[in-house]
Amino acid sequence: MAHTLVRGAQQGLAFLKQMTERNQRYVGELVVEEWRLAPGALEIAYFADQVDDVQSHASRLSARFDALEKRLAATETERA
């Protein structure tokens, strides 16, 4: 009798765990796919690539400003 109760409780817990996991997946899909409240994995990867591109462009622009600033300083020194 006790064995049957324990086995029934284990099956019940396994069922609840399975239902909880399924509902979590369902809510995750709703948030990302249906309601569009969160970005999908591909959108995050694309955004990260865009951020890297902007960072690279900003670094190059900063280097160009530094070179221009040095040239201007050299020109001012020559005039003085």
N, C-alpha and C. Protein backbone atom coordinates (compact mmCIF):
# COMPACT_ATOMS: atom_id res chain seq x y z
N MET A 1 0.82 -1.20 0.00
CA MET A 1 0.00 0.00 0.00
C MET A 1 0.86 1.27 0.00
N ALA A 2 1.88 1.31 0.87
CA ALA A 2 2.75 2.48 0.94
C ALA A 2 3.51 2.65 -0.38
N HIS A 3 3.90 1.51 -0.97
CA HIS A 3 4.62 1.56 -2.24
C HIS A 3 3.74 2.21 -3.32
N THR A 4 2.48 1.88 -3.33
CA THR A 4 1.55 2.44 -4.31
C THR A 4 1.39 3.94 -4.10
N LEU A 5 1.31 4.38 -2.85
CA LEU A 5 1.19 5.81 -2.55
C LEU A 5 2.44 6.58 -2.98
N VAL A 6 3.61 6.02 -2.69
CA VAL A 6 4.86 6.67 -3.06
C VAL A 6 4.97 6.76 -4.58
N ARG A 7 4.65 5.67 -5.25
CA ARG A 7 4.72 5.66 -6.71
C ARG A 7 3.73 6.66 -7.31
N GLY A 8 2.54 6.73 -6.75
CA GLY A 8 1.55 7.70 -7.22
C GLY A 8 2.02 9.14 -7.00
N ALA A 9 2.65 9.39 -5.85
CA ALA A 9 3.17 10.73 -5.56
C ALA A 9 4.30 11.08 -6.54
N GLN A 10 5.17 10.12 -6.83
CA GLN A 10 6.27 10.35 -7.78
C GLN A 10 5.72 10.66 -9.17
N GLN A 11 4.72 9.90 -9.57
CA GLN A 11 4.12 10.15 -10.88
C GLN A 11 3.45 11.52 -10.93
N GLY A 12 2.79 11.86 -9.84
CA GLY A 12 2.14 13.17 -9.77
C GLY A 12 3.15 14.31 -9.85
N LEU A 13 4.27 14.16 -9.14
CA LEU A 13 5.31 15.18 -9.18
C LEU A 13 5.94 15.27 -10.57
N ALA A 14 6.17 14.13 -11.19
CA ALA A 14 6.73 14.12 -12.54
C ALA A 14 5.78 14.81 -13.51
N PHE A 15 4.50 14.57 -13.36
CA PHE A 15 3.50 15.21 -14.22
C PHE A 15 3.50 16.73 -14.02
N LEU A 16 3.54 17.16 -12.75
CA LEU A 16 3.57 18.59 -12.46
C LEU A 16 4.83 19.25 -13.02
N LYS A 17 5.96 18.58 -12.90
CA LYS A 17 7.21 19.12 -13.43
C LYS A 17 7.12 19.26 -14.95
N GLN A 18 6.58 18.23 -15.60
CA GLN A 18 6.43 18.25 -17.05
C GLN A 18 5.50 19.39 -17.48
N MET A 19 4.41 19.57 -16.79
CA MET A 19 3.46 20.63 -17.12
C MET A 19 4.09 22.01 -16.89
N THR A 20 4.84 22.15 -15.82
CA THR A 20 5.50 23.43 -15.53
C THR A 20 6.50 23.77 -16.62
N GLU A 21 7.31 22.81 -17.03
CA GLU A 21 8.29 23.04 -18.09
C GLU A 21 7.60 23.40 -19.41
N ARG A 22 6.52 22.69 -19.71
CA ARG A 22 5.78 22.99 -20.94
C ARG A 22 5.20 24.40 -20.90
N ASN A 23 4.63 24.78 -19.77
CA ASN A 23 4.05 26.11 -19.64
C ASN A 23 5.12 27.20 -19.71
N GLN A 24 6.30 26.93 -19.16
CA GLN A 24 7.39 27.90 -19.25
C GLN A 24 7.81 28.09 -20.71
N ARG A 25 7.92 27.00 -21.45
CA ARG A 25 8.26 27.11 -22.88
C ARG A 25 7.18 27.88 -23.63
N TYR A 26 5.94 27.59 -23.31
CA TYR A 26 4.82 28.26 -23.97
C TYR A 26 4.85 29.77 -23.70
N VAL A 27 5.06 30.16 -22.45
CA VAL A 27 5.11 31.57 -22.10
C VAL A 27 6.31 32.24 -22.79
N GLY A 28 7.43 31.53 -22.82
CA GLY A 28 8.60 32.07 -23.51
C GLY A 28 8.33 32.32 -24.98
N GLU A 29 7.66 31.38 -25.62
CA GLU A 29 7.31 31.55 -27.03
C GLU A 29 6.32 32.70 -27.22
N LEU A 30 5.38 32.83 -26.31
CA LEU A 30 4.42 33.94 -26.39
C LEU A 30 5.12 35.28 -26.30
N VAL A 31 6.03 35.40 -25.33
CA VAL A 31 6.73 36.66 -25.11
C VAL A 31 7.57 37.04 -26.33
N VAL A 32 8.26 36.06 -26.92
CA VAL A 32 9.17 36.34 -28.03
C VAL A 32 8.45 36.37 -29.36
N GLU A 33 7.66 35.39 -29.65
CA GLU A 33 7.08 35.23 -30.98
C GLU A 33 5.74 35.95 -31.16
N GLU A 34 4.86 35.82 -30.22
CA GLU A 34 3.50 36.35 -30.40
C GLU A 34 3.39 37.81 -29.94
N TRP A 35 3.83 38.08 -28.74
CA TRP A 35 3.65 39.41 -28.18
C TRP A 35 4.80 40.34 -28.53
N ARG A 36 5.90 39.79 -28.98
CA ARG A 36 7.10 40.56 -29.38
C ARG A 36 7.59 41.47 -28.25
N LEU A 37 7.52 40.98 -27.02
CA LEU A 37 8.00 41.74 -25.87
C LEU A 37 9.50 41.60 -25.68
N ALA A 38 10.07 40.53 -26.19
CA ALA A 38 11.51 40.28 -26.07
C ALA A 38 12.04 39.86 -27.43
N PRO A 39 13.28 40.22 -27.72
CA PRO A 39 13.85 39.84 -29.02
C PRO A 39 14.23 38.36 -29.05
N GLY A 40 14.21 37.80 -30.24
CA GLY A 40 14.65 36.42 -30.42
C GLY A 40 16.17 36.35 -30.46
N ALA A 41 16.69 35.14 -30.47
CA ALA A 41 18.14 34.93 -30.44
C ALA A 41 18.82 35.54 -31.67
N LEU A 42 18.22 35.41 -32.84
CA LEU A 42 18.82 35.97 -34.05
C LEU A 42 18.83 37.50 -34.01
N GLU A 43 17.78 38.07 -33.47
CA GLU A 43 17.73 39.53 -33.35
C GLU A 43 18.80 40.04 -32.39
N ILE A 44 19.02 39.32 -31.32
CA ILE A 44 20.06 39.71 -30.37
C ILE A 44 21.44 39.62 -31.02
N ALA A 45 21.68 38.54 -31.77
CA ALA A 45 22.97 38.38 -32.44
C ALA A 45 23.18 39.48 -33.47
N TYR A 46 22.15 39.81 -34.23
CA TYR A 46 22.25 40.87 -35.23
C TYR A 46 22.53 42.22 -34.56
N PHE A 47 21.84 42.50 -33.47
CA PHE A 47 22.06 43.74 -32.74
C PHE A 47 23.49 43.81 -32.20
N ALA A 48 23.98 42.70 -31.67
CA ALA A 48 25.36 42.67 -31.15
C ALA A 48 26.36 42.94 -32.27
N ASP A 49 26.11 42.39 -33.46
CA ASP A 49 26.98 42.66 -34.60
C ASP A 49 26.94 44.15 -34.98
N GLN A 50 25.76 44.73 -34.94
CA GLN A 50 25.64 46.16 -35.25
C GLN A 50 26.38 47.01 -34.22
N VAL A 51 26.29 46.64 -32.96
CA VAL A 51 27.00 47.37 -31.91
C VAL A 51 28.51 47.28 -32.15
N ASP A 52 28.99 46.09 -32.50
CA ASP A 52 30.42 45.93 -32.80
C ASP A 52 30.84 46.81 -33.97
N ASP A 53 30.00 46.88 -35.01
CA ASP A 53 30.31 47.73 -36.16
C ASP A 53 30.39 49.21 -35.76
N VAL A 54 29.45 49.66 -34.96
CA VAL A 54 29.44 51.05 -34.51
C VAL A 54 30.68 51.33 -33.66
N GLN A 55 31.02 50.40 -32.80
CA GLN A 55 32.21 50.58 -31.96
C GLN A 55 33.47 50.67 -32.83
N SER A 56 33.56 49.85 -33.84
CA SER A 56 34.70 49.87 -34.74
C SER A 56 34.78 51.19 -35.49
N HIS A 57 33.64 51.65 -36.01
CA HIS A 57 33.60 52.93 -36.72
C HIS A 57 33.98 54.09 -35.78
N ALA A 58 33.49 54.04 -34.56
CA ALA A 58 33.80 55.10 -33.60
C ALA A 58 35.28 55.12 -33.26
N SER A 59 35.89 53.96 -33.16
CA SER A 59 37.33 53.90 -32.87
C SER A 59 38.14 54.48 -34.03
N ARG A 60 37.73 54.13 -35.26
CA ARG A 60 38.44 54.68 -36.42
C ARG A 60 38.26 56.19 -36.51
N LEU A 61 37.07 56.67 -36.23
CA LEU A 61 36.81 58.11 -36.26
C LEU A 61 37.64 58.83 -35.20
N SER A 62 37.72 58.24 -34.03
CA SER A 62 38.53 58.82 -32.96
C SER A 62 39.99 58.90 -33.37
N ALA A 63 40.50 57.87 -34.01
CA ALA A 63 41.89 57.88 -34.48
C ALA A 63 42.09 58.98 -35.53
N ARG A 64 41.13 59.17 -36.40
CA ARG A 64 41.23 60.23 -37.41
C ARG A 64 41.23 61.61 -36.75
N PHE A 65 40.37 61.80 -35.72
CA PHE A 65 40.37 63.07 -35.00
C PHE A 65 41.71 63.32 -34.32
N ASP A 66 42.27 62.27 -33.72
CA ASP A 66 43.57 62.41 -33.06
C ASP A 66 44.64 62.83 -34.08
N ALA A 67 44.64 62.19 -35.26
CA ALA A 67 45.62 62.54 -36.29
C ALA A 67 45.42 63.97 -36.76
N LEU A 68 44.19 64.39 -36.94
CA LEU A 68 43.89 65.76 -37.36
C LEU A 68 44.34 66.75 -36.30
N GLU A 69 44.09 66.42 -35.04
CA GLU A 69 44.49 67.30 -33.94
C GLU A 69 46.02 67.46 -33.92
N LYS A 70 46.76 66.39 -34.16
CA LYS A 70 48.22 66.46 -34.20
C LYS A 70 48.70 67.32 -35.37
N ARG A 71 48.06 67.16 -36.52
CA ARG A 71 48.42 67.96 -37.68
C ARG A 71 48.15 69.44 -37.43
N LEU A 72 47.02 69.74 -36.81
CA LEU A 72 46.70 71.13 -36.50
C LEU A 72 47.70 71.71 -35.49
N ALA A 73 48.06 70.93 -34.50
CA ALA A 73 49.02 71.39 -33.51
C ALA A 73 50.39 71.63 -34.16
N ALA A 74 50.78 70.75 -35.10
CA ALA A 74 52.04 70.93 -35.80
C ALA A 74 52.00 72.18 -36.67
N THR A 75 50.87 72.42 -37.30
CA THR A 75 50.72 73.61 -38.16
C THR A 75 50.80 74.87 -37.32
N GLU A 76 50.17 74.87 -36.15
CA GLU A 76 50.22 76.05 -35.26
C GLU A 76 51.63 76.29 -34.75
N THR A 77 52.37 75.22 -34.49
CA THR A 77 53.74 75.35 -34.02
C THR A 77 54.62 75.97 -35.12
N GLU A 78 54.38 75.53 -36.34
CA GLU A 78 55.17 76.07 -37.47
C GLU A 78 54.89 77.54 -37.69
N ARG A 79 53.70 77.99 -37.46
CA ARG A 79 53.31 79.39 -37.67
C ARG A 79 53.88 80.29 -36.57
N ALA A 80 54.11 79.72 -35.42
CA ALA A 80 54.56 80.54 -34.29
C ALA A 80 56.02 80.87 -34.33
